[in-house]
Amino acid sequence: MVHNNILEDVRLKQDDITSLTIQVTTQKIIKDPLNDTTSAQTEDTSAFKKIVGISLQAILITQETFTTLKEIPYTCNEIEYHFEEVITRRNRIKQNNQQSRDRVVQIFNASLQITTAIVKPFMRKYGELIEDECYSRRPHVHAPNKQVIYITYKNADSVNRFYDNNSLWIYGEMLYVTPFLMNNDIRENLRKFCKKLNGIPSNAQAIEFKEFIDTSDVVEFYIPRNTYTNETQKYAYVYFRSREVMEAAMDKLLIIREKQTEWSDPNVQSCFHCGYTGHYIRDCDYISPCRRPMRKNDYFRQIREIKRSHLNRSNTNSQQIPSTYAQAAARGTRRNNQNNQ
């Protein structure tokens, strides 16, 4: 009945409103134990609340409908009521972010193991943080194992450092840091010169390429992860600061864990098994140089073979005829010592 009356008074159609609900706001009554005469058992089992207000919440389809609904009051018992916008927690965070954008930095390429609590101590070296405004978000729905970490400083001068230096090392991973208000043209120039490094070992980290990154002026070294297993892929995207540095880096031969890598364009597909280009996994015949851990029975068998070989060697040496006087004297001395024992 209330819904119909509101629709008639404000001249709205049912198609303009998605939902219309009534929400009752209550407040708990705190009793004074000195003036209360009821028993303690009644106080523990019953909760006293009073109705503070009743609100009507509507979810509208268009912004024009919301503007019309705010301008037209709803009259009930000669009292006018007006609709106001409900500020949700997400909208409140957006409003706060608009006021602090010049003090926010974005951190990309962080794995799920690196949380906001882990990043904070590393970022405190450059300035004081606002602890409540440091959080992480997924870049989009179809990236369950990707995250973007937002760090807010109290002073805007703490962000200026990341305009020139965009790398941050945390636990063997090279993270890509940019200020939130960085110009889009500058962002594109930093990621303009990119090459794909194929054939890297399994579960590789950027720290294994630290020497190459420091000498080749690398801006970003990104190793993607599998969406389902969260394991690192067999390739990496390397972003350089200039074309000359990129061409010079491609002439270098990189060997990591006895495995040689190769360079290619970013859009060239690589094998899922070995990471090299030129074939697919169904045609891959690559054998990893890494060996599996030795089993216990194989280890004991190897020990027995070593002992047997030493025994056979000693027996062979004892049966040989000495060719010199020194060998004969040494054998005689050894036999005399054994007899005396």
Protein backbone atom coordinates (compact mmCIF):
# COMPACT_ATOMS: atom_id res chain seq x y z
CA MET A 1 0.00 0.00 0.00
CA VAL A 2 2.78 2.43 0.89
CA HIS A 3 4.61 1.60 -2.34
CA ASN A 4 1.55 2.36 -4.44
CA ASN A 5 0.89 5.66 -2.67
CA ILE A 6 4.46 6.81 -3.25
CA LEU A 7 4.34 5.89 -6.91
CA GLU A 8 1.11 7.84 -7.33
CA ASP A 9 2.35 10.92 -5.47
CA VAL A 10 5.70 11.28 -7.21
CA ARG A 11 4.23 10.20 -10.58
CA LEU A 12 6.67 7.38 -11.19
CA LYS A 13 6.10 4.18 -13.08
CA GLN A 14 6.87 0.70 -11.83
CA ASP A 15 9.34 0.27 -14.70
CA ASP A 16 11.49 3.14 -13.40
CA ILE A 17 12.17 1.47 -10.05
CA THR A 18 14.03 -1.81 -9.65
CA SER A 19 13.16 -2.36 -5.99
CA LEU A 20 11.44 -0.44 -3.20
CA THR A 21 12.00 -1.63 0.38
CA ILE A 22 11.29 -0.35 3.87
CA GLN A 23 14.13 -0.38 6.40
CA VAL A 24 13.55 0.09 10.13
CA THR A 25 16.35 1.70 12.16
CA THR A 26 16.51 0.60 15.80
CA GLN A 27 18.63 1.51 18.81
CA LYS A 28 19.40 -0.63 21.83
CA ILE A 29 18.22 0.71 25.21
CA ILE A 30 20.85 0.68 27.95
CA LYS A 31 19.25 0.24 31.38
CA ASP A 32 20.52 1.75 34.59
CA PRO A 33 21.23 -1.12 37.04
CA LEU A 34 20.50 1.12 40.08
CA ASN A 35 16.98 2.09 38.98
CA ASP A 36 16.06 -1.26 37.43
CA THR A 37 13.89 -3.53 39.60
CA THR A 38 13.75 -6.53 37.27
CA SER A 39 15.71 -9.66 37.94
CA ALA A 40 19.16 -10.30 36.55
CA GLN A 41 17.89 -13.29 34.61
CA THR A 42 15.40 -11.14 32.71
CA GLU A 43 18.13 -8.65 31.82
CA ASP A 44 20.36 -11.32 30.34
CA THR A 45 17.73 -13.04 28.22
CA SER A 46 15.79 -10.03 26.84
CA ALA A 47 17.05 -7.20 24.60
CA PHE A 48 15.21 -3.88 24.61
CA LYS A 49 15.30 -1.79 21.42
CA LYS A 50 13.39 1.24 20.28
CA ILE A 51 12.53 2.32 16.76
CA VAL A 52 14.52 5.41 15.84
CA GLY A 53 13.31 5.84 12.29
CA ILE A 54 11.85 4.24 9.21
CA SER A 55 13.39 4.75 5.79
CA LEU A 56 12.25 3.82 2.32
CA GLN A 57 15.06 2.73 -0.02
CA ALA A 58 14.58 2.62 -3.80
CA ILE A 59 16.95 1.35 -6.48
CA LEU A 60 16.36 3.34 -9.67
CA ILE A 61 17.25 2.60 -13.25
CA THR A 62 18.39 6.00 -14.56
CA GLN A 63 19.95 9.14 -13.13
CA GLU A 64 17.07 11.25 -14.48
CA THR A 65 14.61 9.26 -12.40
CA PHE A 66 16.73 9.83 -9.30
CA THR A 67 16.85 13.59 -9.97
CA THR A 68 13.07 13.72 -10.41
CA LEU A 69 12.51 11.73 -7.24
CA LYS A 70 14.67 14.13 -5.19
CA GLU A 71 12.82 17.20 -6.43
CA ILE A 72 9.29 15.92 -5.78
CA PRO A 73 8.43 15.53 -2.06
CA TYR A 74 6.24 12.76 -0.68
CA THR A 75 3.41 13.98 1.60
CA CYS A 76 2.04 11.85 4.42
CA ASN A 77 -0.19 13.22 7.21
CA GLU A 78 0.58 16.76 6.04
CA ILE A 79 4.31 16.10 6.49
CA GLU A 80 6.67 16.28 3.51
CA TYR A 81 9.39 13.68 3.07
CA HIS A 82 12.29 13.92 0.61
CA PHE A 83 14.43 11.22 -0.96
CA GLU A 84 18.21 11.41 -0.45
CA GLU A 85 21.06 9.46 -1.98
CA VAL A 86 22.30 6.50 0.05
CA ILE A 87 26.10 6.58 0.21
CA THR A 88 27.33 3.01 0.26
CA ARG A 89 30.70 1.93 1.59
CA ARG A 90 32.08 1.61 -1.93
CA ASN A 91 30.97 5.14 -2.86
CA ARG A 92 32.39 6.49 0.39
CA ILE A 93 35.76 4.93 -0.44
CA LYS A 94 35.64 6.54 -3.90
CA GLN A 95 34.96 9.94 -2.38
CA ASN A 96 37.89 9.56 0.00
CA ASN A 97 40.14 8.42 -2.83
CA GLN A 98 39.36 11.52 -4.87
CA GLN A 99 40.71 13.67 -2.06
CA SER A 100 43.94 11.67 -1.66
CA ARG A 101 44.87 10.77 -5.23
CA ASP A 102 48.04 12.86 -5.18
CA ARG A 103 49.32 10.75 -2.25
CA VAL A 104 48.56 7.26 -3.64
CA VAL A 105 50.86 4.84 -5.46
CA GLN A 106 49.88 1.67 -7.33
CA ILE A 107 51.86 -1.57 -7.05
CA PHE A 108 51.53 -4.11 -9.88
CA ASN A 109 52.84 -7.66 -10.52
CA ALA A 110 52.57 -8.74 -6.88
CA SER A 111 51.66 -12.40 -6.32
CA LEU A 112 48.89 -13.39 -3.94
CA GLN A 113 51.48 -14.39 -1.32
CA ILE A 114 52.52 -10.74 -1.02
CA THR A 115 49.76 -9.08 0.97
CA THR A 116 49.28 -5.46 1.98
CA ALA A 117 50.70 -6.18 5.43
CA ILE A 118 53.94 -7.41 3.82
CA VAL A 119 54.24 -4.39 1.51
CA LYS A 120 53.71 -1.73 4.20
CA PRO A 121 57.11 -2.09 5.96
CA PHE A 122 58.92 -1.67 2.63
CA MET A 123 56.90 1.44 1.74
CA ARG A 124 57.42 3.10 5.12
CA LYS A 125 61.02 3.79 4.13
CA TYR A 126 59.81 6.55 1.81
CA GLY A 127 57.29 8.25 4.09
CA GLU A 128 54.57 7.90 6.71
CA LEU A 129 51.53 5.88 5.64
CA ILE A 130 47.81 6.18 6.29
CA GLU A 131 47.24 2.64 7.53
CA ASP A 132 43.48 2.54 6.93
CA GLU A 133 43.81 3.60 3.28
CA CYS A 134 46.18 0.83 2.17
CA TYR A 135 44.38 -2.02 0.41
CA SER A 136 44.47 -4.35 -2.61
CA ARG A 137 41.98 -4.90 -5.44
CA ARG A 138 41.66 -7.20 -8.42
CA PRO A 139 42.20 -5.39 -11.74
CA HIS A 140 39.18 -7.14 -13.31
CA VAL A 141 36.84 -10.07 -12.74
CA HIS A 142 38.69 -12.54 -14.98
CA ALA A 143 41.99 -12.23 -13.04
CA PRO A 144 41.59 -14.29 -9.85
CA ASN A 145 45.35 -14.48 -9.18
CA LYS A 146 46.21 -10.84 -9.94
CA GLN A 147 46.05 -7.87 -7.63
CA VAL A 148 46.83 -4.16 -7.54
CA ILE A 149 47.98 -2.78 -4.18
CA TYR A 150 47.19 0.84 -3.29
CA ILE A 151 49.39 2.62 -0.73
CA THR A 152 48.44 6.07 0.62
CA TYR A 153 51.01 8.43 2.15
CA LYS A 154 50.34 11.34 4.47
CA ASN A 155 52.64 13.62 2.51
CA ALA A 156 52.48 14.05 -1.27
CA ASP A 157 56.28 14.48 -1.48
CA SER A 158 56.75 10.80 -0.65
CA VAL A 159 55.21 9.86 -4.01
CA ASN A 160 57.65 11.88 -6.14
CA ARG A 161 60.34 9.24 -5.75
CA PHE A 162 58.35 6.75 -7.86
CA TYR A 163 58.19 9.01 -10.93
CA ASP A 164 61.84 8.17 -11.72
CA ASN A 165 62.27 4.79 -10.03
CA ASN A 166 59.41 2.35 -10.66
CA SER A 167 60.86 -0.86 -9.22
CA LEU A 168 60.45 -2.35 -5.75
CA TRP A 169 62.07 -5.64 -4.65
CA ILE A 170 60.13 -7.73 -2.13
CA TYR A 171 61.05 -11.35 -1.36
CA GLY A 172 62.64 -12.06 -4.73
CA GLU A 173 59.90 -10.41 -6.80
CA MET A 174 60.30 -7.21 -8.80
CA LEU A 175 57.16 -5.10 -8.36
CA TYR A 176 56.16 -2.26 -10.66
CA VAL A 177 55.23 0.95 -8.77
CA THR A 178 53.64 4.05 -10.31
CA PRO A 179 51.99 7.13 -8.78
CA PHE A 180 48.23 7.17 -9.17
CA LEU A 181 48.25 10.56 -10.95
CA MET A 182 51.00 9.65 -13.41
CA ASN A 183 50.17 10.82 -16.91
CA ASN A 184 48.95 8.13 -19.31
CA ASP A 185 51.51 9.19 -21.93
CA ILE A 186 54.33 8.61 -19.44
CA ARG A 187 52.88 5.21 -18.55
CA GLU A 188 52.79 4.20 -22.21
CA ASN A 189 56.37 5.36 -22.80
CA LEU A 190 57.61 3.24 -19.89
CA ARG A 191 56.00 0.15 -21.42
CA LYS A 192 56.76 0.98 -25.03
CA PHE A 193 59.87 -1.18 -25.56
CA CYS A 194 58.96 -4.73 -24.63
CA LYS A 195 60.41 -8.15 -25.46
CA LYS A 196 59.46 -11.65 -24.41
CA LEU A 197 62.03 -13.88 -22.69
CA ASN A 198 61.20 -17.54 -23.39
CA GLY A 199 62.47 -20.76 -21.86
CA ILE A 200 62.91 -19.70 -18.23
CA PRO A 201 62.85 -22.50 -15.61
CA SER A 202 59.82 -23.50 -13.57
CA ASN A 203 58.96 -21.40 -10.50
CA ALA A 204 61.52 -18.79 -11.51
CA GLN A 205 61.75 -15.42 -9.76
CA ALA A 206 62.97 -12.06 -10.94
CA ILE A 207 65.79 -12.13 -8.36
CA GLU A 208 67.52 -14.80 -10.48
CA PHE A 209 67.84 -12.19 -13.26
CA LYS A 210 68.97 -9.40 -10.89
CA GLU A 211 72.37 -8.90 -12.53
CA PHE A 212 70.81 -8.68 -16.00
CA ILE A 213 68.11 -6.25 -14.77
CA ASP A 214 70.64 -3.89 -13.18
CA THR A 215 72.98 -3.79 -16.18
CA SER A 216 70.28 -3.57 -18.90
CA ASP A 217 68.21 -0.67 -17.48
CA VAL A 218 65.04 -2.78 -17.16
CA VAL A 219 61.90 -0.91 -16.10
CA GLU A 220 59.67 -3.93 -15.48
CA PHE A 221 60.32 -7.68 -15.37
CA TYR A 222 56.96 -9.47 -15.28
CA ILE A 223 56.59 -13.27 -15.04
CA PRO A 224 52.91 -14.22 -15.54
CA ARG A 225 51.24 -16.90 -13.45
CA ASN A 226 48.88 -19.70 -14.41
CA THR A 227 45.27 -18.79 -13.65
CA TYR A 228 44.40 -22.22 -12.24
CA THR A 229 47.61 -23.46 -10.56
CA ASN A 230 49.10 -20.03 -9.70
CA GLU A 231 52.53 -21.29 -10.82
CA THR A 232 54.84 -19.10 -12.85
CA GLN A 233 54.87 -19.48 -16.61
CA LYS A 234 57.95 -20.41 -18.66
CA TYR A 235 58.29 -16.91 -20.12
CA ALA A 236 58.58 -13.31 -18.95
CA TYR A 237 57.79 -9.87 -20.37
CA VAL A 238 60.74 -7.49 -20.10
CA TYR A 239 60.21 -3.73 -20.52
CA PHE A 240 63.24 -1.56 -21.31
CA ARG A 241 63.73 2.19 -20.99
CA SER A 242 64.95 2.76 -24.56
CA ARG A 243 65.29 0.96 -27.87
CA GLU A 244 69.10 0.99 -27.79
CA VAL A 245 69.14 -0.76 -24.43
CA MET A 246 66.60 -3.32 -25.67
CA GLU A 247 68.63 -4.19 -28.77
CA ALA A 248 71.82 -4.52 -26.72
CA ALA A 249 70.11 -6.78 -24.17
CA MET A 250 68.86 -9.15 -26.87
CA ASP A 251 72.46 -9.94 -27.83
CA LYS A 252 73.19 -11.26 -24.34
CA LEU A 253 73.00 -15.00 -23.67
CA LEU A 254 71.09 -15.81 -20.47
CA ILE A 255 71.49 -19.25 -18.88
CA ILE A 256 69.45 -19.89 -15.72
CA ARG A 257 69.67 -23.28 -13.92
CA GLU A 258 71.49 -24.87 -16.89
CA LYS A 259 68.70 -23.74 -19.22
CA GLN A 260 69.30 -21.33 -22.07
CA THR A 261 66.68 -18.67 -22.83
CA GLU A 262 65.64 -17.03 -26.08
CA TRP A 263 64.14 -13.66 -27.08
CA SER A 264 61.05 -13.04 -29.20
CA ASP A 265 58.31 -10.49 -29.79
CA PRO A 266 55.60 -10.23 -27.11
CA ASN A 267 52.87 -11.61 -29.38
CA VAL A 268 54.74 -14.84 -30.30
CA GLN A 269 53.30 -17.92 -28.59
CA SER A 270 55.54 -20.28 -26.65
CA CYS A 271 55.29 -23.93 -25.64
CA PHE A 272 53.51 -24.58 -22.35
CA HIS A 273 55.94 -27.39 -21.41
CA CYS A 274 59.38 -25.96 -22.18
CA GLY A 275 58.64 -22.29 -22.80
CA TYR A 276 60.42 -22.10 -26.18
CA THR A 277 58.82 -20.84 -29.38
CA GLY A 278 58.39 -22.59 -32.72
CA HIS A 279 56.26 -25.54 -31.60
CA TYR A 280 53.32 -26.52 -29.41
CA ILE A 281 53.18 -28.87 -26.43
CA ARG A 282 52.05 -31.83 -28.57
CA ASP A 283 55.32 -31.62 -30.56
CA CYS A 284 57.60 -30.87 -27.60
CA ASP A 285 60.50 -33.30 -27.01
CA TYR A 286 62.35 -31.24 -24.41
CA ILE A 287 63.87 -33.10 -21.43
CA SER A 288 64.59 -31.05 -18.35
CA PRO A 289 68.22 -31.14 -17.12
CA CYS A 290 67.04 -31.22 -13.52
CA ARG A 291 67.06 -34.68 -11.95
CA ARG A 292 64.49 -36.08 -9.61
CA PRO A 293 65.44 -36.68 -5.95
CA MET A 294 67.07 -40.07 -5.42
CA ARG A 295 64.96 -42.71 -3.73
CA LYS A 296 66.10 -44.39 -0.52
CA ASN A 297 66.56 -47.84 -2.07
CA ASP A 298 68.55 -46.38 -4.96
CA TYR A 299 70.79 -44.55 -2.52
CA PHE A 300 71.53 -47.73 -0.52
CA ARG A 301 72.19 -49.67 -3.73
CA GLN A 302 74.68 -47.02 -4.82
CA ILE A 303 76.46 -47.21 -1.44
CA ARG A 304 76.77 -51.02 -1.74
CA GLU A 305 78.22 -50.72 -5.23
CA ILE A 306 80.80 -48.20 -4.06
CA LYS A 307 81.86 -50.44 -1.16
CA ARG A 308 82.06 -53.48 -3.45
CA SER A 309 84.22 -51.60 -5.95
CA HIS A 310 86.63 -50.51 -3.19
CA LEU A 311 86.85 -54.11 -1.91
CA ASN A 312 87.54 -55.50 -5.37
CA ARG A 313 90.19 -52.87 -5.95
CA SER A 314 91.98 -53.72 -2.68
CA ASN A 315 91.87 -57.46 -3.46
CA THR A 316 93.28 -56.84 -6.91
CA ASN A 317 96.13 -54.77 -5.55
CA SER A 318 97.00 -57.42 -2.95
CA GLN A 319 97.26 -60.19 -5.56
CA GLN A 320 99.59 -58.30 -7.86
CA ILE A 321 103.30 -59.23 -7.85
CA PRO A 322 105.44 -56.30 -6.68
CA SER A 323 107.57 -54.88 -9.45
CA THR A 324 109.97 -52.92 -7.24
CA TYR A 325 111.83 -53.48 -3.97
CA ALA A 326 109.87 -50.66 -2.29
CA GLN A 327 106.51 -52.33 -3.07
CA ALA A 328 107.76 -55.67 -1.72
CA ALA A 329 109.11 -54.08 1.45
CA ALA A 330 105.87 -52.17 2.02
CA ARG A 331 103.80 -55.34 1.60
CA GLY A 332 106.03 -57.25 3.98
CA THR A 333 105.82 -54.52 6.60
CA ARG A 334 102.04 -54.48 6.32
CA ARG A 335 101.83 -58.27 6.80
CA ASN A 336 104.14 -58.19 9.83
CA ASN A 337 102.00 -55.52 11.45
CA GLN A 338 98.86 -57.60 10.90
CA ASN A 339 100.50 -60.70 12.42
CA ASN A 340 101.70 -58.78 15.46
CA GLN A 341 98.18 -57.55 16.11
